Amino acid sequence: MIIVPVEKRIDWKRPPIVLLSIVVLNILIFAFYQSSDIEHVTEAVSLYESYELEELEINAFRSYMRKVDPSYEVDRSDMALVWRMASDQRFAQFLDEHQKRYIPLKKRSKWKRIRAQINDEVAKISSNAFGLDPNNITPLTLITHLFLHGGIDHLLGNMVFLLLTGFAVEAALGSKRFLAFYLISGIGSGLLFSGIETMSGSLSPGLIGASGAISGVMAMYVVLFGMRKIEFFYWLFVFTGYFRAAAIIMLPAYIVKELFMLLFSEGSNVAYMAHVGGFLTGAALVYVQRKLQSSVIDDEYLAEPETNVDPRLRSLQSIYNHLGQCEFKQAYALLKPLKQSDPNNPELNEIEFNIFSALTGPKIGDYLIQRIGKAGNSKRILIAQLRMWRRMKPEVKNTLSFEQKAYLLGKGLELGRPDLSEAIYAELESEAGRELEIATLARRIAIHFQKLGREEKTRHYDKQARGLMAAPGAPA
C-alpha cells in the first residue's frame, strides 16, 4: 500500500533548487559511478573461478554458514554460490582468521595472493565502499549511503517519491534548511537501522538508498501541515484514488505500516526500520523548528490554496474518489467528456475498462473485442485481450479481421506471451493471399525466440517464413 501527500504542486516562481540537485546527483552517481560495479563483480568471480577457490574454501564456507544461519544448506549446483563465497566480506574475514585450519600449508601462499586480489575487487563495489555497514559506521558512510541505489527501479522509485513531496518541504523550510534536514533524516534512519541490526545480531549486508531520508521528507510534509486537511494519493493493489485527511494523523499511520511490513514481509530486503528512523527524525526536526523558531517556516505558502490546478486533473481526482467508493456510474459520467477529448489516453482507457468490468460483467468481452487494434489500450487491457483469445469461440474469432489478429499477435510478443502469439499465428497461417504478411509475422516470432535463446523455435519460424516467401503467388 502506498499513500503519498499531494496537496501542493510545484511553484516555479520558487524553484526547488536543492531538491532537483539531489535528484540529479543521485542519477549521475548511479550512471557514472555505480555502473562500474559490474566490472568489479566480473573480475572477482573470474579470479575466483579461474583459480578454483571454491574447492579450496567450501569446507570453511560450510562452517561459516553454520554460525550465520544454521538452517542454510550449501548447494553446489546453485549458480550464485561462487559469487556469495567470493563477495561475502565477513566470510573473507572468517577465512583470514581460520586459514591455518582450512587452507593447506603448501597452497596457502598462492591462496593469500589471489584472495587479496578478489577482496580488493569486492571492496571496490559501491555498496561495500560507501554503503552503511551497521558494524562499522563512519561519518562518511552515514551520508554516502543515501546516494547509492541497488538498481534502476530502486533509484527511480525513490526519486519519484522525493519529487512528489520534497518541493513543498523545500518551499516551506528554505533550501539550506531543507538540505540539512534531508541529510539529518538520512543519518537518523541509518543509525536506527544499524542499532536494531546490531542488537539483533543480524549479519546484514548493509544499507544503501535514499528512502530513509525521503521518509524524513514525507514526515516533514505532514508535520508542516499539522492538523490542516490535505490531499493524499493512495494505491492499494488495483485500487487508486485520493482522499483528504488531517495531515498529522498520517505520521503514525506511516510508522505502523512500516512496522507491519517489517513483521510480515519475511525475506524482504527492504530496510523498514530505516524508513521508521527517517520518519521519526524528520518529524522531530520540524516539530523542534516550530517550537524554537517558527518564523522561518513559510506558513503563508502552506496555507495558500491551489488555484492553478489543471481542470483535467481535478476531474481525474473526482473520478478516482468515486471509484474508491465503488460509485462506478458517477465515475463513468465524469469520464465520458475526458474520453471524448482524448480517446487514445491509456490512463483513461484503463479507468474505462475498470468501470466496464464492474458494471457490465460478462459483457466485458464485447468491450475488449471492440478495442482490438485501437490506439491507447493500456497494458492491462492488452493482457485481458490476449487472455480472452484462449476462450474465444471460433465464430467470434471469425469476426476479427486479419489486421486485428496480427495486432494481437504482435502485442503477445511485446508483453512476453509468445505462446499466445503462436496460437494466433496458427489461426492466420491458412489465410489465402496473405503470404507476405504471414511470412512477416513468422519472422517476428522467430526473432523473438532468437532473443530468448530458443533455437528450435527460431529455426521453425524461420523455415515457415522462407516457405511462405517461396510459395507460388508470393511477391517476387
Protein backbone atom coordinates (compact mmCIF):
# COMPACT_ATOMS: atom_id res chain seq x y z
CA MET A 1 0.00 0.00 0.00
CA ILE A 2 1.27 3.47 -0.95
CA ILE A 3 -0.02 6.76 0.49
CA VAL A 4 1.61 10.00 -0.66
CA PRO A 5 0.67 13.59 0.26
CA VAL A 6 -0.06 15.61 -2.91
CA GLU A 7 -1.61 18.81 -1.55
CA LYS A 8 0.86 21.15 -3.26
CA ARG A 9 2.04 21.48 -6.84
CA ILE A 10 5.45 22.81 -7.86
CA ASP A 11 5.56 26.60 -7.91
CA TRP A 12 8.22 27.51 -10.45
CA LYS A 13 8.35 31.03 -9.04
CA ARG A 14 10.32 29.41 -6.22
CA PRO A 15 12.15 26.55 -7.98
CA PRO A 16 13.28 23.65 -5.73
CA ILE A 17 16.99 24.03 -6.48
CA VAL A 18 18.26 21.72 -3.74
CA LEU A 19 15.64 19.06 -4.46
CA LEU A 20 16.49 18.95 -8.16
CA SER A 21 20.21 18.95 -7.36
CA ILE A 22 19.76 15.90 -5.09
CA VAL A 23 17.82 14.07 -7.80
CA VAL A 24 20.41 14.86 -10.49
CA LEU A 25 23.28 13.88 -8.18
CA ASN A 26 21.67 10.50 -7.43
CA ILE A 27 21.17 9.83 -11.13
CA LEU A 28 24.73 10.83 -12.03
CA ILE A 29 26.23 8.66 -9.26
CA PHE A 30 24.18 5.67 -10.40
CA ALA A 31 25.00 6.20 -14.08
CA PHE A 32 28.69 7.03 -13.89
CA TYR A 33 29.99 5.54 -10.63
CA GLN A 34 27.81 2.55 -9.79
CA SER A 35 27.85 1.38 -13.41
CA SER A 36 31.43 0.21 -12.81
CA ASP A 37 30.24 -2.29 -10.18
CA ILE A 38 29.66 -4.94 -12.83
CA GLU A 39 33.35 -4.77 -13.80
CA HIS A 40 34.45 -5.43 -10.20
CA VAL A 41 31.90 -8.24 -9.82
CA THR A 42 33.01 -9.88 -13.07
CA GLU A 43 36.70 -9.62 -12.17
CA ALA A 44 36.15 -11.06 -8.67
CA VAL A 45 34.14 -14.04 -9.95
CA SER A 46 36.57 -14.62 -12.82
CA LEU A 47 39.53 -14.76 -10.43
CA TYR A 48 37.63 -17.00 -8.03
CA GLU A 49 36.66 -19.48 -10.74
CA SER A 50 39.95 -19.45 -12.66
CA TYR A 51 41.93 -20.38 -9.53
CA GLU A 52 39.26 -22.88 -8.37
CA LEU A 53 38.95 -21.38 -4.92
CA GLU A 54 35.51 -22.92 -4.41
CA GLU A 55 37.03 -26.37 -3.84
CA LEU A 56 39.63 -24.91 -1.51
CA GLU A 57 37.20 -22.87 0.60
CA ILE A 58 33.99 -24.90 0.57
CA ASN A 59 34.55 -26.54 3.97
CA ALA A 60 35.34 -23.18 5.54
CA PHE A 61 32.18 -21.77 3.98
CA ARG A 62 30.07 -24.57 5.47
CA SER A 63 31.48 -23.84 8.93
CA TYR A 64 30.95 -20.11 8.48
CA MET A 65 27.33 -20.54 7.37
CA ARG A 66 26.54 -22.84 10.32
CA LYS A 67 27.27 -19.87 12.59
CA VAL A 68 25.43 -17.36 10.41
CA ASP A 69 22.35 -19.42 9.56
CA PRO A 70 22.15 -22.98 10.94
CA SER A 71 19.31 -23.80 8.52
CA TYR A 72 21.37 -22.92 5.44
CA GLU A 73 22.38 -25.85 3.23
CA VAL A 74 25.26 -25.43 0.80
CA ASP A 75 24.00 -26.28 -2.69
CA ARG A 76 26.91 -26.83 -5.09
CA SER A 77 24.51 -26.53 -8.06
CA ASP A 78 23.45 -23.03 -7.01
CA MET A 79 24.72 -20.60 -9.66
CA ALA A 80 25.01 -17.85 -7.03
CA LEU A 81 27.20 -19.88 -4.67
CA VAL A 82 30.51 -18.79 -6.20
CA TRP A 83 29.52 -15.13 -6.06
CA ARG A 84 28.41 -15.46 -2.44
CA MET A 85 31.68 -17.12 -1.43
CA ALA A 86 33.75 -14.57 -3.34
CA SER A 87 31.86 -11.47 -2.22
CA ASP A 88 30.93 -12.07 1.42
CA GLN A 89 33.35 -9.81 3.26
CA ARG A 90 32.58 -11.43 6.60
CA PHE A 91 33.39 -14.83 5.13
CA ALA A 92 36.67 -13.36 3.87
CA GLN A 93 37.41 -12.21 7.44
CA PHE A 94 36.47 -15.67 8.78
CA LEU A 95 38.88 -17.24 6.30
CA ASP A 96 41.68 -14.90 7.28
CA GLU A 97 41.20 -15.77 10.95
CA HIS A 98 40.96 -19.56 10.35
CA GLN A 99 43.20 -20.05 7.30
CA LYS A 100 45.51 -22.47 9.10
CA ARG A 101 42.57 -24.76 9.76
CA TYR A 102 41.09 -24.79 6.27
CA ILE A 103 43.82 -23.90 3.77
CA PRO A 104 46.66 -26.42 3.30
CA LEU A 105 50.12 -25.01 4.02
CA LYS A 106 51.52 -25.73 0.55
CA LYS A 107 48.67 -23.79 -1.09
CA ARG A 108 48.40 -21.01 1.46
CA SER A 109 50.86 -18.53 -0.06
CA LYS A 110 49.23 -18.56 -3.51
CA TRP A 111 45.76 -18.53 -1.94
CA LYS A 112 46.62 -15.41 0.09
CA ARG A 113 47.75 -13.58 -3.03
CA ILE A 114 44.66 -14.46 -5.09
CA ARG A 115 42.29 -13.90 -2.17
CA ALA A 116 43.76 -10.44 -1.62
CA GLN A 117 43.06 -9.55 -5.27
CA ILE A 118 39.47 -10.82 -5.00
CA ASN A 119 38.89 -8.98 -1.73
CA ASP A 120 40.24 -5.80 -3.32
CA GLU A 121 37.78 -6.05 -6.22
CA VAL A 122 34.87 -6.76 -3.86
CA ALA A 123 35.82 -3.80 -1.68
CA LYS A 124 35.59 -1.50 -4.73
CA ILE A 125 31.89 -2.33 -5.28
CA SER A 126 29.96 0.83 -4.44
CA SER A 127 27.77 -0.71 -1.73
CA ASN A 128 30.87 -2.04 0.04
CA ALA A 129 32.94 1.10 -0.43
CA PHE A 130 30.32 3.67 0.56
CA GLY A 131 27.30 1.74 1.88
CA LEU A 132 26.42 1.83 5.58
CA ASP A 133 27.76 -1.21 7.44
CA PRO A 134 25.89 -1.48 10.79
CA ASN A 135 29.01 -2.99 12.38
CA ASN A 136 31.40 -0.37 11.01
CA ILE A 137 29.63 3.01 10.97
CA THR A 138 31.65 6.02 9.85
CA PRO A 139 30.60 9.69 9.47
CA LEU A 140 31.26 9.37 5.73
CA THR A 141 29.07 6.31 5.09
CA LEU A 142 26.23 7.81 7.16
CA ILE A 143 25.97 10.33 4.28
CA THR A 144 27.22 8.44 1.23
CA HIS A 145 24.80 5.51 1.59
CA LEU A 146 21.97 7.97 0.85
CA PHE A 147 23.26 8.47 -2.71
CA LEU A 148 23.64 4.81 -3.74
CA HIS A 149 20.94 2.53 -5.14
CA GLY A 150 20.57 -1.18 -5.80
CA GLY A 151 19.12 -0.88 -9.30
CA ILE A 152 17.26 1.36 -11.72
CA ASP A 153 13.87 0.52 -10.13
CA HIS A 154 15.20 1.37 -6.67
CA LEU A 155 16.59 4.68 -7.96
CA LEU A 156 13.51 5.75 -9.95
CA GLY A 157 11.08 4.77 -7.18
CA ASN A 158 12.99 6.83 -4.62
CA MET A 159 13.36 9.85 -6.89
CA VAL A 160 9.65 9.90 -7.78
CA PHE A 161 8.65 9.92 -4.09
CA LEU A 162 11.22 12.62 -3.35
CA LEU A 163 9.95 14.82 -6.17
CA LEU A 164 6.31 14.36 -5.10
CA THR A 165 6.91 15.70 -1.59
CA GLY A 166 10.27 17.44 -1.50
CA PHE A 167 9.44 20.61 -3.43
CA ALA A 168 6.76 21.68 -0.91
CA VAL A 169 9.05 20.99 2.05
CA GLU A 170 11.87 22.99 0.44
CA ALA A 171 9.49 25.89 -0.29
CA ALA A 172 8.26 25.93 3.31
CA LEU A 173 11.63 25.49 5.05
CA GLY A 174 14.01 27.19 2.64
CA SER A 175 16.70 25.50 0.57
CA LYS A 176 19.54 25.41 3.13
CA ARG A 177 17.36 24.12 5.95
CA PHE A 178 15.75 21.55 3.63
CA LEU A 179 19.18 20.17 2.67
CA ALA A 180 20.28 20.00 6.31
CA PHE A 181 17.07 18.29 7.43
CA TYR A 182 17.21 15.86 4.48
CA LEU A 183 20.72 14.74 5.40
CA ILE A 184 19.96 14.58 9.14
CA SER A 185 16.87 12.43 8.42
CA GLY A 186 19.06 10.09 6.38
CA ILE A 187 21.58 9.90 9.23
CA GLY A 188 18.79 9.21 11.74
CA SER A 189 17.40 6.44 9.57
CA GLY A 190 20.86 4.86 9.22
CA LEU A 191 21.53 4.99 12.96
CA LEU A 192 18.22 3.38 13.92
CA PHE A 193 18.64 0.69 11.27
CA SER A 194 22.20 -0.03 12.41
CA GLY A 195 21.23 -0.07 16.07
CA ILE A 196 18.44 -2.60 15.52
CA GLU A 197 20.62 -4.77 13.28
CA THR A 198 23.47 -4.78 15.80
CA MET A 199 21.23 -5.59 18.78
CA SER A 200 19.54 -8.41 16.87
CA GLY A 201 22.89 -9.92 15.90
CA SER A 202 21.93 -9.79 12.24
CA LEU A 203 24.67 -10.05 9.62
CA SER A 204 23.02 -7.52 7.35
CA PRO A 205 24.93 -6.76 4.13
CA GLY A 206 24.45 -3.06 4.90
CA LEU A 207 22.24 -0.20 3.83
CA ILE A 208 22.10 1.84 0.64
CA GLY A 209 19.42 4.12 -0.76
CA ALA A 210 17.74 7.45 -0.17
CA SER A 211 14.49 6.03 1.21
CA GLY A 212 15.35 6.82 4.85
CA ALA A 213 15.93 10.49 4.04
CA ILE A 214 12.84 10.54 1.79
CA SER A 215 10.76 9.08 4.64
CA GLY A 216 12.00 12.02 6.69
CA VAL A 217 10.84 14.42 3.97
CA MET A 218 7.37 12.82 3.93
CA ALA A 219 7.19 13.19 7.72
CA MET A 220 8.27 16.84 7.43
CA TYR A 221 5.49 17.37 4.88
CA VAL A 222 2.71 16.12 7.16
CA VAL A 223 4.08 17.80 10.31
CA LEU A 224 4.38 21.12 8.48
CA PHE A 225 0.69 20.97 7.58
CA GLY A 226 -0.24 19.73 11.07
CA MET A 227 -3.99 19.50 11.62
CA ARG A 228 -4.86 21.01 8.22
CA LYS A 229 -6.79 18.64 5.97
CA ILE A 230 -4.70 17.91 2.91
CA GLU A 231 -4.94 15.66 -0.12
CA PHE A 232 -3.34 12.21 -0.26
CA PHE A 233 -2.99 9.81 -3.17
CA TYR A 234 -3.35 6.11 -2.35
CA TRP A 235 -2.60 2.91 -4.24
CA LEU A 236 -3.84 -0.39 -2.78
CA PHE A 237 -3.44 -3.37 -5.10
CA VAL A 238 -5.53 -2.36 -8.17
CA PHE A 239 -7.36 0.47 -6.36
CA THR A 240 -6.13 4.03 -6.64
CA GLY A 241 -7.60 7.37 -5.70
CA TYR A 242 -7.43 10.45 -3.49
CA PHE A 243 -8.71 11.33 -0.04
CA ARG A 244 -8.47 14.28 2.35
CA ALA A 245 -7.42 13.93 5.97
CA ALA A 246 -5.68 15.87 8.71
CA ALA A 247 -2.02 15.72 7.68
CA ILE A 248 -0.56 14.82 11.06
CA ILE A 249 -2.64 11.64 11.51
CA MET A 250 -0.72 10.08 8.64
CA LEU A 251 2.56 10.08 10.57
CA PRO A 252 1.60 7.27 12.99
CA ALA A 253 -0.10 5.53 10.05
CA TYR A 254 3.16 5.56 8.11
CA ILE A 255 5.11 4.18 11.06
CA VAL A 256 2.55 1.44 11.81
CA LYS A 257 2.56 0.42 8.13
CA GLU A 258 6.35 0.08 8.09
CA LEU A 259 6.38 -1.94 11.32
CA PHE A 260 3.63 -4.19 9.95
CA MET A 261 5.67 -4.77 6.78
CA LEU A 262 8.76 -5.50 8.90
CA LEU A 263 6.89 -8.18 10.85
CA PHE A 264 5.02 -9.81 7.97
CA SER A 265 7.32 -9.42 4.94
CA GLU A 266 9.64 -12.30 5.72
CA GLY A 267 12.64 -12.49 3.43
CA SER A 268 12.23 -8.93 2.14
CA ASN A 269 15.40 -6.91 1.58
CA VAL A 270 13.61 -3.61 2.28
CA ALA A 271 15.04 -1.73 5.27
CA TYR A 272 11.75 -0.92 7.02
CA MET A 273 13.46 0.24 10.22
CA ALA A 274 15.44 2.77 8.18
CA HIS A 275 12.11 4.17 6.97
CA VAL A 276 10.85 4.40 10.55
CA GLY A 277 14.07 6.13 11.61
CA GLY A 278 13.65 8.64 8.79
CA PHE A 279 10.01 9.34 9.69
CA LEU A 280 10.83 9.92 13.34
CA THR A 281 13.84 12.12 12.62
CA GLY A 282 12.09 14.26 10.00
CA ALA A 283 9.04 14.76 12.21
CA ALA A 284 11.19 15.68 15.22
CA LEU A 285 13.22 18.21 13.22
CA VAL A 286 10.15 20.14 12.04
CA TYR A 287 8.49 19.92 15.46
CA VAL A 288 11.57 21.37 17.18
CA GLN A 289 11.90 24.02 14.47
CA ARG A 290 8.32 25.17 15.08
CA LYS A 291 8.88 25.31 18.83
CA LEU A 292 12.19 27.21 18.68
CA GLN A 293 11.89 29.39 15.59
CA SER A 294 8.58 29.03 13.78
CA SER A 295 9.09 32.31 11.91
CA VAL A 296 11.46 30.64 9.42
CA ILE A 297 8.65 28.34 8.21
CA ASP A 298 6.64 29.83 5.36
CA ASP A 299 3.12 29.25 6.67
CA GLU A 300 1.65 31.58 4.06
CA TYR A 301 2.82 29.18 1.36
CA LEU A 302 1.39 26.20 3.26
CA ALA A 303 -1.99 27.92 3.70
CA GLU A 304 -2.13 29.21 0.12
CA PRO A 305 -4.89 27.42 -1.83
CA GLU A 306 -4.04 25.76 -5.12
CA THR A 307 -5.57 27.92 -7.87
CA ASN A 308 -3.55 26.76 -10.84
CA VAL A 309 -4.52 23.09 -10.86
CA ASP A 310 -5.32 21.67 -14.30
CA PRO A 311 -9.13 21.14 -14.56
CA ARG A 312 -8.43 17.74 -16.13
CA LEU A 313 -6.50 16.71 -13.01
CA ARG A 314 -9.41 17.85 -10.84
CA SER A 315 -11.76 15.71 -12.93
CA LEU A 316 -9.41 12.72 -12.64
CA GLN A 317 -9.28 13.25 -8.88
CA SER A 318 -13.07 13.20 -8.68
CA ILE A 319 -13.20 10.04 -10.81
CA TYR A 320 -10.72 8.26 -8.55
CA ASN A 321 -12.67 9.38 -5.48
CA HIS A 322 -15.85 7.83 -6.91
CA LEU A 323 -14.01 4.63 -7.84
CA GLY A 324 -12.59 4.40 -4.34
CA GLN A 325 -16.18 4.42 -3.03
CA CYS A 326 -17.36 1.95 -5.74
CA GLU A 327 -19.56 4.66 -7.31
CA PHE A 328 -18.94 3.43 -10.84
CA LYS A 329 -21.83 5.16 -12.64
CA GLN A 330 -20.88 8.55 -11.24
CA ALA A 331 -17.24 7.91 -12.19
CA TYR A 332 -18.25 6.99 -15.75
CA ALA A 333 -20.35 10.14 -16.12
CA LEU A 334 -17.25 12.21 -15.31
CA LEU A 335 -15.04 10.05 -17.52
CA LYS A 336 -17.05 10.39 -20.75
CA PRO A 337 -16.17 14.04 -21.54
CA LEU A 338 -12.48 13.34 -20.86
CA LYS A 339 -12.60 10.35 -23.20
CA GLN A 340 -14.22 12.41 -25.94
CA SER A 341 -11.42 14.97 -25.84
CA ASP A 342 -8.60 12.39 -25.51
CA PRO A 343 -9.82 8.98 -26.77
CA ASN A 344 -6.35 7.41 -27.04
CA ASN A 345 -5.19 8.15 -23.50
CA PRO A 346 -4.08 4.83 -21.86
CA GLU A 347 -4.92 6.01 -18.33
CA LEU A 348 -8.47 6.96 -19.32
CA ASN A 349 -8.91 3.67 -21.19
CA GLU A 350 -7.68 1.78 -18.13
CA ILE A 351 -10.26 3.58 -15.98
CA GLU A 352 -12.98 2.84 -18.55
CA PHE A 353 -12.01 -0.83 -18.58
CA ASN A 354 -12.24 -1.00 -14.77
CA ILE A 355 -15.67 0.65 -14.81
CA PHE A 356 -16.99 -1.63 -17.56
CA SER A 357 -15.67 -4.67 -15.69
CA ALA A 358 -17.65 -3.61 -12.63
CA LEU A 359 -20.82 -2.53 -14.41
CA THR A 360 -21.24 -4.90 -17.33
CA GLY A 361 -19.67 -8.10 -16.02
CA PRO A 362 -19.94 -10.80 -18.72
CA LYS A 363 -20.26 -8.19 -21.49
CA ILE A 364 -16.70 -7.02 -20.90
CA GLY A 365 -15.63 -9.40 -23.66
CA ASP A 366 -17.55 -7.30 -26.21
CA TYR A 367 -15.71 -4.22 -24.98
CA LEU A 368 -12.32 -5.91 -25.29
CA ILE A 369 -13.07 -7.12 -28.83
CA GLN A 370 -14.24 -3.67 -29.84
CA ARG A 371 -10.91 -2.21 -28.69
CA ILE A 372 -8.66 -4.68 -30.54
CA GLY A 373 -6.27 -2.75 -32.76
CA LYS A 374 -7.18 0.66 -31.39
CA ALA A 375 -4.63 3.17 -30.13
CA GLY A 376 -4.36 3.93 -26.43
CA ASN A 377 -5.01 0.49 -24.96
CA SER A 378 -3.44 0.18 -21.53
CA LYS A 379 -1.19 -2.76 -20.72
CA ARG A 380 -3.93 -4.30 -18.60
CA ILE A 381 -6.42 -4.12 -21.49
CA LEU A 382 -3.89 -5.73 -23.84
CA ILE A 383 -3.26 -8.58 -21.39
CA ALA A 384 -7.01 -9.11 -20.98
CA GLN A 385 -7.45 -9.22 -24.77
CA LEU A 386 -4.69 -11.79 -25.15
CA ARG A 387 -6.07 -14.00 -22.37
CA MET A 388 -9.51 -13.78 -23.96
CA TRP A 389 -8.13 -15.42 -27.12
CA ARG A 390 -7.89 -18.81 -25.39
CA ARG A 391 -11.60 -18.92 -24.56
CA MET A 392 -12.88 -17.10 -27.65
CA LYS A 393 -15.34 -19.16 -29.69
CA PRO A 394 -14.44 -19.86 -33.35
CA GLU A 395 -17.42 -17.85 -34.61
CA VAL A 396 -16.18 -14.84 -32.64
CA LYS A 397 -12.63 -15.26 -33.95
CA ASN A 398 -14.02 -15.31 -37.48
CA THR A 399 -15.49 -11.84 -36.96
CA LEU A 400 -11.99 -10.42 -36.36
CA SER A 401 -10.08 -9.07 -39.33
CA PHE A 402 -6.63 -10.30 -40.31
CA GLU A 403 -5.24 -6.96 -39.10
CA GLN A 404 -6.84 -7.32 -35.68
CA LYS A 405 -5.41 -10.81 -35.24
CA ALA A 406 -1.97 -9.64 -36.40
CA TYR A 407 -2.20 -6.78 -33.88
CA LEU A 408 -2.86 -9.22 -31.04
CA LEU A 409 0.00 -11.46 -32.20
CA GLY A 410 2.43 -8.54 -32.06
CA LYS A 411 1.22 -7.46 -28.62
CA GLY A 412 1.68 -11.01 -27.35
CA LEU A 413 5.35 -10.82 -28.30
CA GLU A 414 5.77 -7.37 -26.76
CA LEU A 415 4.19 -8.49 -23.48
CA GLY A 416 6.20 -11.71 -23.22
CA ARG A 417 3.39 -14.12 -24.17
CA PRO A 418 4.80 -15.89 -27.26
CA ASP A 419 2.59 -18.89 -26.52
CA LEU A 420 -0.48 -16.78 -27.27
CA SER A 421 1.22 -15.28 -30.33
CA GLU A 422 1.84 -18.81 -31.62
CA ALA A 423 -1.81 -19.71 -31.07
CA ILE A 424 -2.90 -16.65 -33.06
CA TYR A 425 -0.35 -17.44 -35.78
CA ALA A 426 -1.85 -20.91 -36.13
CA GLU A 427 -5.18 -19.25 -36.97
CA LEU A 428 -3.57 -16.94 -39.53
CA GLU A 429 -1.23 -19.25 -41.44
CA SER A 430 -4.04 -20.72 -43.52
CA GLU A 431 -5.25 -17.32 -44.75
CA ALA A 432 -5.07 -17.35 -48.57
CA GLY A 433 -3.50 -14.43 -50.39
CA ARG A 434 -1.71 -13.16 -47.27
CA GLU A 435 1.61 -14.98 -47.70
CA LEU A 436 3.78 -11.86 -47.41
CA GLU A 437 2.05 -10.62 -44.24
CA ILE A 438 2.12 -14.10 -42.66
CA ALA A 439 5.81 -14.50 -43.55
CA THR A 440 6.50 -11.17 -41.84
CA LEU A 441 4.68 -12.37 -38.71
CA ALA A 442 6.59 -15.66 -38.75
CA ARG A 443 9.83 -13.73 -38.94
CA ARG A 444 8.80 -11.54 -35.98
CA ILE A 445 8.12 -14.65 -33.90
CA ALA A 446 11.48 -16.16 -34.97
CA ILE A 447 13.33 -13.00 -33.90
CA HIS A 448 11.54 -13.06 -30.53
CA PHE A 449 12.54 -16.70 -29.88
CA GLN A 450 16.09 -15.95 -31.05
CA LYS A 451 16.36 -13.30 -28.31
CA LEU A 452 15.15 -15.89 -25.80
CA GLY A 453 17.79 -18.36 -26.98
CA ARG A 454 15.20 -20.92 -28.12
CA GLU A 455 16.92 -22.17 -31.27
CA GLU A 456 14.40 -24.89 -32.19
CA LYS A 457 11.53 -22.39 -32.26
CA THR A 458 13.70 -19.86 -34.12
CA ARG A 459 14.52 -22.39 -36.86
CA HIS A 460 10.88 -23.47 -37.12
CA TYR A 461 9.51 -19.98 -37.73
CA ASP A 462 12.42 -19.02 -39.99
CA LYS A 463 11.57 -22.04 -42.10
CA GLN A 464 7.91 -21.01 -42.10
CA ALA A 465 8.84 -17.51 -43.29
CA ARG A 466 11.10 -18.79 -46.08
CA GLY A 467 8.49 -21.30 -47.22
CA LEU A 468 5.79 -18.63 -47.43
CA MET A 469 8.06 -16.28 -49.38
CA ALA A 470 8.81 -19.09 -51.86
CA ALA A 471 5.16 -20.12 -52.23
CA PRO A 472 3.55 -19.75 -55.67
CA GLY A 473 1.93 -16.35 -55.99
CA ALA A 474 4.16 -14.70 -53.35
CA PRO A 475 5.54 -11.32 -54.48
CA ALA A 476 8.92 -11.51 -56.27
